[in-house]
Amino acid sequence: MPAHQRPALGDLLIGAAIPLTLPFGIALEMALLCLAIYALRLLWRQRGRPWPNALREYFVLALLLWLAGAISAIDAEHPGRALAWLGAAIGYVLAGAALVMVCDDPDRRGAVLLGAAVPVACWTLDATLQAVTGWSLGGAASADRLSGVFGADDLKLGPVLALLAPFLLIATQQISARRSRRFALIVSGLALTLVVLLAGARAGWIGLAVAGLALSAHWQFHQPRRWLLALTAGLLVTLLLTGLAYQQSERFAARIDRTLTAFDGSREGLDHALAGRLPIFETAVAAACAHPLNGIGVRGFRQSYPRYAASGDPWVSPDGQTGASHPHHWVLEVAAEQGAIGLLAWLLLTGWLIHRWWRADTSARSAALAPALALLTLLFPLNTHPALYSSFWQALCWWCLGLYLGCLSTRAGTSTEPQA
């Protein structure tokens, strides 16, 4: 976006729609619906003309993942859930397509990315105030961690802010005056680090570390000594914040102590550090081995869990009908619910996204950096993960994918498309 061009309100809203409504349930569904309708409008205006390359790539990749889900539904153990996901996935795909088409225009993508950063700043500020006062827009903090705008009964704050952090940090770096840029980045980074640490989700801790390392490496790619200096400083500050939180919060200290039991060399210690998830991982592996080709059916893990769980599994409900809601690792989730076909589809998707990154020029990579890091954080394999195929995380996944492919486009600007 040229420096003299004011961002269009419609494009700001398009970028903000998903992150802004994430904490509010039905509002998220409405945002998805509005984006899907807008995508249909843009597709109708595009009739009779060739689709942009980014849009064609996006729909091919979407079809690949959708077909993997459809094949899993053929003999799914719970076909109703699989078919419901297949129907809902069309809406997610269309919502992401709207972002591809808008960001395919270089004159509009800057405003969209700025719009995506604004809610992240708001949720970070809100959680920072909760850390000080005990209250936020979502109410009082839970007993053991910050909950922010999501509320004490929905502890998504840490993983969500870790995933969205690159949008805020990159926007801060781009809009700050040169003299204040470093200060603004430091303040944003410290606030995000403090909030994610106190949110208490170790998945958020790992996700923020991955995003921060990748972002700093990208910015200092040609200055390795400077990057190592910044990395060392960031590590020391993080350790300082961690030490302060450990001293001031018994609950935070308990989370750290629990994490360290993973290194005592015993199965019990590892399971304790994983919050009792080791049986869930083993059950997911058993389900994948029992249905190696196309899995047990997308979104069917919870209902099928008792069939593959070991005797005495603590996650099986007292009536023996349901188990853990999801495998807590996206690779295991795909393997259990979609089998080798699903894993192959995700492998092809990941390979193509990496290929597009290396094929893009410097300006396109710079534009796509925030969604690229968000996807890296979401899919980083050495972490625990939320339910990949739940509506909440599917909305984020397709939103990031649409932004990524649209921003990597090298099409010239000066679009005449309507600006929402």
Foldseek 3Di string as FASTA:
>chain_A
DDPVDDADPLLLCLLQQQLVCLLPPVSNVVSLVVLLVLLVVVVVVCPPHDDDPLLVVLVVLLVLLLVLQVVLLPQAPDNVVSVVLSVVSSSLSSSLSSLLVQLLFVVHLVSSLLSNQVSLVVQLVQQLVCVVPQAGCQGGAAPQAGQTVNHNVDLCVLLVSLLQVLSNLLVLQVPDDPVCSVVSNVVSVVSSLLRNLRSLAVLSVVSNVLLVLVVLCVVCVVPVVVSVVVVVVVVVVSVVSLVVCCVPGVSSVVLVVLLVLCPPPDPVSVCSNVVNLPQLLQLLVQLLVVPAAFANHQQCCFQCSLVRGDPPRPQQDPVRGTGDRANQFVLSRCSHHTHPSNVVSVVVVVVVLVVLLVVFDPQLCSSLVSLVSSLCSQHVGVGGHDRCSDPSNSSVVSNSSSSNSSSRNPDHHPDPDDSD
